[in-house]
């Protein structure tokens, strides 16, 4: 709690400095309007519903792409972790695509999918897939062999063992992959909106910058920052729930 208070104090101190240098003309108020002006603009746009609507569009795209990535990556990663044959089949493709920066696939995605929601969700899916996949595979591969042997000795079907034994034991690694993927998905969603979109908070911020509506631009950035804070808090909650599946010795540090 003390760390939170210290962080808020630092933030308020920086806001006061920004306000002062803008009011005193140390920097151009055109590019750095006073914080009070930005705050008033943020409140006006929030109450009008404009900022919440734009942020909601972006979060919807990011969370949909993230959910699709998790639905694909978790079972594939678990299968790669427990099966050498399956890992040998997929590893070359994974290692080929994993180093590709997600923004690099945006031009190709626009060619095939246009600038609609499908393109943005695909780019988020691509960005989030590999952190979750690698986390699930590493977690499954690290599961103690005794767990698998016990499940086999009791005649537990392989699929049931995968979901009932391997997944809970690999939960911390899966959660760590999700924790990495969540902010990445939001970043890529915003970037895709800046490159090709007609709405969303990324498109809004870029449009305000291009029309020199600078207070509105900063208000959009502030709204995005608050959205990111909320998404990060949700990711921490998911991580805490998943790590409860494992014993204290298996939790990630």
C-alpha atoms as a PDB file:
ATOM      1  CA  UNK A   1       0.000   0.000   0.000  1.00  0.00           C
ATOM      2  CA  UNK A   2       2.866   2.354   0.804  1.00  0.00           C
ATOM      3  CA  UNK A   3       4.232   1.759  -2.698  1.00  0.00           C
ATOM      4  CA  UNK A   4       0.894   2.844  -4.191  1.00  0.00           C
ATOM      5  CA  UNK A   5       0.934   6.079  -2.199  1.00  0.00           C
ATOM      6  CA  UNK A   6       4.513   6.755  -3.282  1.00  0.00           C
ATOM      7  CA  UNK A   7       3.597   6.122  -6.910  1.00  0.00           C
ATOM      8  CA  UNK A   8       0.591   8.440  -6.711  1.00  0.00           C
ATOM      9  CA  UNK A   9       2.773  11.110  -5.108  1.00  0.00           C
ATOM     10  CA  UNK A  10       5.284  10.849  -7.965  1.00  0.00           C
ATOM     11  CA  UNK A  11       2.470  11.062 -10.519  1.00  0.00           C
ATOM     12  CA  UNK A  12       0.972  14.138  -8.859  1.00  0.00           C
ATOM     13  CA  UNK A  13       4.403  15.753  -8.642  1.00  0.00           C
ATOM     14  CA  UNK A  14       4.976  15.260 -12.373  1.00  0.00           C
ATOM     15  CA  UNK A  15       1.498  16.649 -13.088  1.00  0.00           C
ATOM     16  CA  UNK A  16       2.285  19.772 -11.062  1.00  0.00           C
ATOM     17  CA  UNK A  17       5.577  20.234 -12.929  1.00  0.00           C
ATOM     18  CA  UNK A  18       3.797  19.805 -16.278  1.00  0.00           C
ATOM     19  CA  UNK A  19       1.143  22.338 -15.267  1.00  0.00           C
ATOM     20  CA  UNK A  20       3.763  24.840 -14.168  1.00  0.00           C
ATOM     21  CA  UNK A  21       6.018  24.641 -17.227  1.00  0.00           C
ATOM     22  CA  UNK A  22       3.006  24.888 -19.526  1.00  0.00           C
ATOM     23  CA  UNK A  23       1.477  27.870 -17.711  1.00  0.00           C
ATOM     24  CA  UNK A  24       4.820  29.679 -17.484  1.00  0.00           C
ATOM     25  CA  UNK A  25       5.549  29.206 -21.173  1.00  0.00           C
ATOM     26  CA  UNK A  26       8.666  27.120 -20.634  1.00  0.00           C
ATOM     27  CA  UNK A  27       7.257  24.751 -23.266  1.00  0.00           C
ATOM     28  CA  UNK A  28       4.671  25.487 -25.907  1.00  0.00           C
ATOM     29  CA  UNK A  29       1.147  25.181 -24.549  1.00  0.00           C
ATOM     30  CA  UNK A  30       0.082  24.143 -28.047  1.00  0.00           C
ATOM     31  CA  UNK A  31       1.945  20.851 -27.736  1.00  0.00           C
ATOM     32  CA  UNK A  32       1.888  20.550 -23.932  1.00  0.00           C
ATOM     33  CA  UNK A  33      -1.410  22.052 -22.735  1.00  0.00           C
ATOM     34  CA  UNK A  34      -1.848  22.410 -18.970  1.00  0.00           C
ATOM     35  CA  UNK A  35      -2.818  19.265 -17.114  1.00  0.00           C
ATOM     36  CA  UNK A  36      -5.968  20.986 -15.875  1.00  0.00           C
ATOM     37  CA  UNK A  37      -7.021  21.586 -19.486  1.00  0.00           C
ATOM     38  CA  UNK A  38      -6.388  17.944 -20.352  1.00  0.00           C
ATOM     39  CA  UNK A  39      -8.290  16.809 -17.263  1.00  0.00           C
ATOM     40  CA  UNK A  40     -11.278  19.000 -18.144  1.00  0.00           C
ATOM     41  CA  UNK A  41     -11.235  17.670 -21.709  1.00  0.00           C
ATOM     42  CA  UNK A  42     -11.010  14.111 -20.420  1.00  0.00           C
ATOM     43  CA  UNK A  43     -13.985  14.649 -18.106  1.00  0.00           C
ATOM     44  CA  UNK A  44     -16.057  16.232 -20.885  1.00  0.00           C
ATOM     45  CA  UNK A  45     -15.325  13.481 -23.391  1.00  0.00           C
ATOM     46  CA  UNK A  46     -15.895  10.778 -20.806  1.00  0.00           C
ATOM     47  CA  UNK A  47     -19.245  12.176 -19.709  1.00  0.00           C
ATOM     48  CA  UNK A  48     -20.321  12.497 -23.335  1.00  0.00           C
ATOM     49  CA  UNK A  49     -19.566   8.794 -23.800  1.00  0.00           C
ATOM     50  CA  UNK A  50     -17.088   9.348 -26.637  1.00  0.00           C
ATOM     51  CA  UNK A  51     -13.971   8.083 -24.866  1.00  0.00           C
ATOM     52  CA  UNK A  52     -15.672   5.075 -23.216  1.00  0.00           C
ATOM     53  CA  UNK A  53     -17.103   4.060 -26.592  1.00  0.00           C
ATOM     54  CA  UNK A  54     -13.709   4.246 -28.335  1.00  0.00           C
ATOM     55  CA  UNK A  55     -11.932   2.416 -25.520  1.00  0.00           C
ATOM     56  CA  UNK A  56     -14.688  -0.205 -25.479  1.00  0.00           C
ATOM     57  CA  UNK A  57     -14.192  -0.923 -29.174  1.00  0.00           C
ATOM     58  CA  UNK A  58     -10.460  -1.386 -28.679  1.00  0.00           C
ATOM     59  CA  UNK A  59     -10.855  -3.574 -25.597  1.00  0.00           C
ATOM     60  CA  UNK A  60     -13.440  -5.703 -27.367  1.00  0.00           C
ATOM     61  CA  UNK A  61     -11.064  -6.386 -30.242  1.00  0.00           C
ATOM     62  CA  UNK A  62      -8.110  -7.020 -27.930  1.00  0.00           C
ATOM     63  CA  UNK A  63     -10.005  -9.363 -25.603  1.00  0.00           C
ATOM     64  CA  UNK A  64     -11.588 -11.289 -28.473  1.00  0.00           C
ATOM     65  CA  UNK A  65      -8.206 -11.851 -30.102  1.00  0.00           C
ATOM     66  CA  UNK A  66      -6.732 -12.809 -26.724  1.00  0.00           C
ATOM     67  CA  UNK A  67      -9.545 -15.285 -26.003  1.00  0.00           C
ATOM     68  CA  UNK A  68      -9.166 -16.937 -29.420  1.00  0.00           C
ATOM     69  CA  UNK A  69      -5.412 -17.165 -28.910  1.00  0.00           C
ATOM     70  CA  UNK A  70      -5.861 -18.765 -25.480  1.00  0.00           C
ATOM     71  CA  UNK A  71      -8.411 -21.270 -26.812  1.00  0.00           C
ATOM     72  CA  UNK A  72      -5.909 -22.385 -29.455  1.00  0.00           C
ATOM     73  CA  UNK A  73      -2.619 -21.980 -27.582  1.00  0.00           C
ATOM     74  CA  UNK A  74      -3.432 -23.708 -24.295  1.00  0.00           C
ATOM     75  CA  UNK A  75      -4.427 -27.131 -25.694  1.00  0.00           C
ATOM     76  CA  UNK A  76      -1.709 -26.990 -28.359  1.00  0.00           C
ATOM     77  CA  UNK A  77       0.903 -26.003 -25.799  1.00  0.00           C
ATOM     78  CA  UNK A  78      -0.127 -28.738 -23.383  1.00  0.00           C
ATOM     79  CA  UNK A  79      -0.007 -31.296 -26.182  1.00  0.00           C
ATOM     80  CA  UNK A  80       3.462 -30.077 -27.187  1.00  0.00           C
ATOM     81  CA  UNK A  81       4.592 -30.368 -23.593  1.00  0.00           C
ATOM     82  CA  UNK A  82       3.504 -33.977 -23.094  1.00  0.00           C
ATOM     83  CA  UNK A  83       4.097 -35.397 -26.588  1.00  0.00           C
ATOM     84  CA  UNK A  84       7.546 -35.386 -28.187  1.00  0.00           C
ATOM     85  CA  UNK A  85       6.067 -36.330 -31.549  1.00  0.00           C
ATOM     86  CA  UNK A  86       3.579 -33.464 -31.491  1.00  0.00           C
ATOM     87  CA  UNK A  87       6.299 -31.076 -30.308  1.00  0.00           C
ATOM     88  CA  UNK A  88       8.521 -32.166 -33.174  1.00  0.00           C
ATOM     89  CA  UNK A  89       5.741 -31.477 -35.666  1.00  0.00           C
ATOM     90  CA  UNK A  90       4.912 -27.964 -34.433  1.00  0.00           C
ATOM     91  CA  UNK A  91       8.222 -26.648 -33.079  1.00  0.00           C
ATOM     92  CA  UNK A  92       9.720 -25.654 -36.477  1.00  0.00           C
ATOM     93  CA  UNK A  93       6.620 -23.641 -37.382  1.00  0.00           C
ATOM     94  CA  UNK A  94       6.439 -22.043 -33.938  1.00  0.00           C
ATOM     95  CA  UNK A  95      10.119 -21.127 -33.942  1.00  0.00           C
ATOM     96  CA  UNK A  96       9.770 -19.671 -37.453  1.00  0.00           C
ATOM     97  CA  UNK A  97       6.786 -17.449 -36.641  1.00  0.00           C
ATOM     98  CA  UNK A  98       7.467 -16.541 -33.010  1.00  0.00           C
ATOM     99  CA  UNK A  99      10.278 -13.999 -33.737  1.00  0.00           C
ATOM    100  CA  UNK A 100       8.116 -12.115 -36.264  1.00  0.00           C
ATOM    101  CA  UNK A 101       7.085  -8.765 -34.701  1.00  0.00           C
ATOM    102  CA  UNK A 102       3.264  -8.553 -34.643  1.00  0.00           C
ATOM    103  CA  UNK A 103       3.219  -5.142 -36.397  1.00  0.00           C
ATOM    104  CA  UNK A 104       4.954  -6.782 -39.366  1.00  0.00           C
ATOM    105  CA  UNK A 105       1.862  -8.893 -40.087  1.00  0.00           C
ATOM    106  CA  UNK A 106      -0.490  -5.892 -40.189  1.00  0.00           C
ATOM    107  CA  UNK A 107       0.119  -5.024 -43.882  1.00  0.00           C
ATOM    108  CA  UNK A 108      -0.515  -8.620 -44.951  1.00  0.00           C
ATOM    109  CA  UNK A 109      -3.557  -8.825 -42.669  1.00  0.00           C
ATOM    110  CA  UNK A 110      -4.982  -5.672 -44.282  1.00  0.00           C
ATOM    111  CA  UNK A 111      -4.498  -7.207 -47.727  1.00  0.00           C
ATOM    112  CA  UNK A 112      -6.432 -10.354 -46.834  1.00  0.00           C
ATOM    113  CA  UNK A 113      -8.916  -9.053 -44.248  1.00  0.00           C
ATOM    114  CA  UNK A 114      -9.303  -5.326 -44.975  1.00  0.00           C
ATOM    115  CA  UNK A 115      -9.392  -2.777 -42.174  1.00  0.00           C
ATOM    116  CA  UNK A 116     -12.379  -4.206 -40.312  1.00  0.00           C
ATOM    117  CA  UNK A 117     -12.502  -5.900 -36.925  1.00  0.00           C
ATOM    118  CA  UNK A 118     -11.310  -9.202 -38.376  1.00  0.00           C
ATOM    119  CA  UNK A 119      -7.907  -7.755 -39.236  1.00  0.00           C
ATOM    120  CA  UNK A 120      -7.403  -6.290 -35.782  1.00  0.00           C
ATOM    121  CA  UNK A 121      -8.513  -9.434 -33.966  1.00  0.00           C
ATOM    122  CA  UNK A 122      -6.240 -11.548 -36.148  1.00  0.00           C
ATOM    123  CA  UNK A 123      -3.212  -9.363 -35.382  1.00  0.00           C
ATOM    124  CA  UNK A 124      -3.995  -9.556 -31.653  1.00  0.00           C
ATOM    125  CA  UNK A 125      -4.439 -13.323 -32.000  1.00  0.00           C
ATOM    126  CA  UNK A 126      -1.026 -13.597 -33.664  1.00  0.00           C
ATOM    127  CA  UNK A 127       0.644 -11.449 -30.995  1.00  0.00           C
ATOM    128  CA  UNK A 128      -0.903 -13.333 -28.054  1.00  0.00           C
ATOM    129  CA  UNK A 129      -0.663 -16.864 -29.419  1.00  0.00           C
ATOM    130  CA  UNK A 130       3.013 -17.555 -28.887  1.00  0.00           C
ATOM    131  CA  UNK A 131       3.506 -16.319 -25.289  1.00  0.00           C
ATOM    132  CA  UNK A 132       0.573 -18.477 -24.170  1.00  0.00           C
ATOM    133  CA  UNK A 133       1.648 -21.437 -26.308  1.00  0.00           C
ATOM    134  CA  UNK A 134       5.222 -21.419 -25.025  1.00  0.00           C
ATOM    135  CA  UNK A 135       4.064 -20.943 -21.424  1.00  0.00           C
ATOM    136  CA  UNK A 136       1.665 -23.887 -21.661  1.00  0.00           C
ATOM    137  CA  UNK A 137       4.266 -26.114 -23.341  1.00  0.00           C
ATOM    138  CA  UNK A 138       6.971 -25.283 -20.813  1.00  0.00           C
ATOM    139  CA  UNK A 139       4.569 -25.783 -17.921  1.00  0.00           C
ATOM    140  CA  UNK A 140       3.351 -29.147 -19.201  1.00  0.00           C
ATOM    141  CA  UNK A 141       6.896 -30.327 -19.886  1.00  0.00           C
ATOM    142  CA  UNK A 142       7.901 -29.428 -16.317  1.00  0.00           C
ATOM    143  CA  UNK A 143       5.088 -31.417 -14.682  1.00  0.00           C
ATOM    144  CA  UNK A 144       6.527 -34.118 -12.442  1.00  0.00           C
ATOM    145  CA  UNK A 145       6.453 -37.521 -14.214  1.00  0.00           C
ATOM    146  CA  UNK A 146       4.865 -39.017 -11.113  1.00  0.00           C
ATOM    147  CA  UNK A 147       1.651 -37.112 -11.833  1.00  0.00           C
ATOM    148  CA  UNK A 148       1.367 -38.650 -15.283  1.00  0.00           C
ATOM    149  CA  UNK A 149       2.314 -42.124 -14.053  1.00  0.00           C
ATOM    150  CA  UNK A 150      -0.277 -41.984 -11.285  1.00  0.00           C
ATOM    151  CA  UNK A 151      -2.998 -40.908 -13.718  1.00  0.00           C
ATOM    152  CA  UNK A 152      -2.011 -43.711 -16.097  1.00  0.00           C
ATOM    153  CA  UNK A 153      -1.935 -46.261 -13.267  1.00  0.00           C
ATOM    154  CA  UNK A 154      -5.506 -45.392 -12.342  1.00  0.00           C
ATOM    155  CA  UNK A 155      -6.620 -45.687 -15.947  1.00  0.00           C
ATOM    156  CA  UNK A 156      -7.429 -42.004 -16.411  1.00  0.00           C
ATOM    157  CA  UNK A 157      -8.046 -41.315 -20.133  1.00  0.00           C
ATOM    158  CA  UNK A 158      -5.307 -39.270 -21.751  1.00  0.00           C
ATOM    159  CA  UNK A 159      -7.580 -36.308 -22.516  1.00  0.00           C
ATOM    160  CA  UNK A 160      -8.972 -36.262 -18.977  1.00  0.00           C
ATOM    161  CA  UNK A 161      -5.429 -36.412 -17.596  1.00  0.00           C
ATOM    162  CA  UNK A 162      -4.459 -33.499 -19.828  1.00  0.00           C
ATOM    163  CA  UNK A 163      -7.197 -31.251 -18.435  1.00  0.00           C
ATOM    164  CA  UNK A 164      -7.468 -32.662 -14.922  1.00  0.00           C
ATOM    165  CA  UNK A 165      -3.805 -33.256 -14.081  1.00  0.00           C
ATOM    166  CA  UNK A 166      -1.434 -31.539 -16.528  1.00  0.00           C
ATOM    167  CA  UNK A 167      -3.302 -28.236 -16.882  1.00  0.00           C
ATOM    168  CA  UNK A 168      -3.676 -27.532 -13.118  1.00  0.00           C
ATOM    169  CA  UNK A 169      -0.016 -28.413 -12.525  1.00  0.00           C
ATOM    170  CA  UNK A 170       1.050 -26.208 -15.459  1.00  0.00           C
ATOM    171  CA  UNK A 171      -1.286 -23.411 -14.329  1.00  0.00           C
ATOM    172  CA  UNK A 172       1.443 -20.995 -13.154  1.00  0.00           C
ATOM    173  CA  UNK A 173       3.264 -21.178 -16.493  1.00  0.00           C
ATOM    174  CA  UNK A 174       0.012 -20.754 -18.408  1.00  0.00           C
ATOM    175  CA  UNK A 175      -0.843 -17.767 -16.236  1.00  0.00           C
ATOM    176  CA  UNK A 176       2.592 -16.240 -16.841  1.00  0.00           C
ATOM    177  CA  UNK A 177       2.056 -16.584 -20.586  1.00  0.00           C
ATOM    178  CA  UNK A 178      -1.334 -14.915 -20.290  1.00  0.00           C
ATOM    179  CA  UNK A 179       0.159 -12.120 -18.212  1.00  0.00           C
ATOM    180  CA  UNK A 180       2.653 -11.439 -21.012  1.00  0.00           C
ATOM    181  CA  UNK A 181       0.009 -11.691 -23.724  1.00  0.00           C
ATOM    182  CA  UNK A 182      -2.598  -9.364 -22.182  1.00  0.00           C
ATOM    183  CA  UNK A 183      -0.726  -6.030 -22.447  1.00  0.00           C
ATOM    184  CA  UNK A 184       0.786  -7.132 -25.752  1.00  0.00           C
ATOM    185  CA  UNK A 185      -2.704  -7.704 -27.132  1.00  0.00           C
ATOM    186  CA  UNK A 186      -3.836  -4.237 -26.102  1.00  0.00           C
ATOM    187  CA  UNK A 187      -0.731  -2.603 -27.589  1.00  0.00           C
ATOM    188  CA  UNK A 188      -1.139  -4.404 -30.905  1.00  0.00           C
ATOM    189  CA  UNK A 189      -4.860  -3.613 -31.033  1.00  0.00           C
ATOM    190  CA  UNK A 190      -4.123   0.098 -30.632  1.00  0.00           C
ATOM    191  CA  UNK A 191      -1.330  -0.033 -33.210  1.00  0.00           C
ATOM    192  CA  UNK A 192      -3.545  -1.792 -35.748  1.00  0.00           C
ATOM    193  CA  UNK A 193      -6.168   0.921 -35.239  1.00  0.00           C
ATOM    194  CA  UNK A 194      -3.567   3.596 -35.939  1.00  0.00           C
ATOM    195  CA  UNK A 195      -2.544   1.914 -39.195  1.00  0.00           C
ATOM    196  CA  UNK A 196      -5.942   0.933 -40.559  1.00  0.00           C
ATOM    197  CA  UNK A 197      -9.235   1.749 -38.837  1.00  0.00           C
ATOM    198  CA  UNK A 198     -12.155   4.138 -38.720  1.00  0.00           C
ATOM    199  CA  UNK A 199     -12.742   3.928 -34.969  1.00  0.00           C
ATOM    200  CA  UNK A 200     -11.187   2.749 -31.720  1.00  0.00           C
ATOM    201  CA  UNK A 201      -9.029   4.639 -29.260  1.00  0.00           C
ATOM    202  CA  UNK A 202      -5.885   4.207 -31.379  1.00  0.00           C
ATOM    203  CA  UNK A 203      -7.603   5.749 -34.403  1.00  0.00           C
ATOM    204  CA  UNK A 204      -9.045   8.509 -32.205  1.00  0.00           C
ATOM    205  CA  UNK A 205      -5.651   9.473 -30.750  1.00  0.00           C
ATOM    206  CA  UNK A 206      -4.019   9.609 -34.181  1.00  0.00           C
ATOM    207  CA  UNK A 207      -6.917  11.604 -35.680  1.00  0.00           C
ATOM    208  CA  UNK A 208      -6.758  14.154 -32.866  1.00  0.00           C
ATOM    209  CA  UNK A 209      -3.001  14.531 -33.379  1.00  0.00           C
ATOM    210  CA  UNK A 210      -3.427  15.064 -37.111  1.00  0.00           C
ATOM    211  CA  UNK A 211      -6.098  17.727 -36.577  1.00  0.00           C
ATOM    212  CA  UNK A 212      -4.070  19.462 -33.814  1.00  0.00           C
ATOM    213  CA  UNK A 213      -6.760  18.783 -31.218  1.00  0.00           C
ATOM    214  CA  UNK A 214      -3.981  18.286 -28.703  1.00  0.00           C
ATOM    215  CA  UNK A 215      -5.983  18.281 -25.419  1.00  0.00           C
ATOM    216  CA  UNK A 216      -8.306  15.679 -26.954  1.00  0.00           C
ATOM    217  CA  UNK A 217      -5.273  13.645 -28.019  1.00  0.00           C
ATOM    218  CA  UNK A 218      -3.864  13.617 -24.490  1.00  0.00           C
ATOM    219  CA  UNK A 219      -7.306  12.799 -23.096  1.00  0.00           C
ATOM    220  CA  UNK A 220      -7.365   9.755 -25.379  1.00  0.00           C
ATOM    221  CA  UNK A 221      -3.918   8.727 -24.166  1.00  0.00           C
ATOM    222  CA  UNK A 222      -5.115   9.081 -20.562  1.00  0.00           C
ATOM    223  CA  UNK A 223      -8.176   6.943 -21.285  1.00  0.00           C
ATOM    224  CA  UNK A 224      -5.956   4.305 -22.865  1.00  0.00           C
ATOM    225  CA  UNK A 225      -3.650   4.373 -19.849  1.00  0.00           C
ATOM    226  CA  UNK A 226      -6.555   3.834 -17.473  1.00  0.00           C
ATOM    227  CA  UNK A 227      -7.831   0.990 -19.642  1.00  0.00           C
ATOM    228  CA  UNK A 228      -4.388  -0.593 -19.569  1.00  0.00           C
ATOM    229  CA  UNK A 229      -4.304  -0.257 -15.792  1.00  0.00           C
ATOM    230  CA  UNK A 230      -7.631  -2.067 -15.535  1.00  0.00           C
ATOM    231  CA  UNK A 231      -6.557  -4.804 -17.935  1.00  0.00           C
ATOM    232  CA  UNK A 232      -3.337  -5.305 -15.990  1.00  0.00           C
ATOM    233  CA  UNK A 233      -5.266  -5.601 -12.725  1.00  0.00           C
ATOM    234  CA  UNK A 234      -7.560  -8.190 -14.315  1.00  0.00           C
ATOM    235  CA  UNK A 235      -4.528 -10.122 -15.548  1.00  0.00           C
ATOM    236  CA  UNK A 236      -3.068 -10.119 -12.039  1.00  0.00           C
ATOM    237  CA  UNK A 237      -6.348 -11.493 -10.705  1.00  0.00           C
ATOM    238  CA  UNK A 238      -6.356 -14.256 -13.309  1.00  0.00           C
ATOM    239  CA  UNK A 239      -2.745 -15.070 -12.487  1.00  0.00           C
ATOM    240  CA  UNK A 240      -3.568 -15.325  -8.776  1.00  0.00           C
ATOM    241  CA  UNK A 241      -6.503 -17.673  -9.446  1.00  0.00           C
ATOM    242  CA  UNK A 242      -4.474 -19.920 -11.734  1.00  0.00           C
ATOM    243  CA  UNK A 243      -1.516 -20.170  -9.371  1.00  0.00           C
ATOM    244  CA  UNK A 244      -3.831 -21.438  -6.621  1.00  0.00           C
ATOM    245  CA  UNK A 245      -4.042 -24.668  -8.612  1.00  0.00           C
ATOM    246  CA  UNK A 246      -0.386 -25.380  -7.925  1.00  0.00           C
ATOM    247  CA  UNK A 247       1.355 -26.024  -4.646  1.00  0.00           C
ATOM    248  CA  UNK A 248       3.564 -23.323  -3.062  1.00  0.00           C
ATOM    249  CA  UNK A 249       6.644 -24.917  -4.522  1.00  0.00           C
ATOM    250  CA  UNK A 250       5.256 -24.811  -8.061  1.00  0.00           C
ATOM    251  CA  UNK A 251       4.164 -21.170  -8.098  1.00  0.00           C
ATOM    252  CA  UNK A 252       6.176 -18.851 -10.314  1.00  0.00           C
ATOM    253  CA  UNK A 253       8.528 -16.351  -8.722  1.00  0.00           C
END
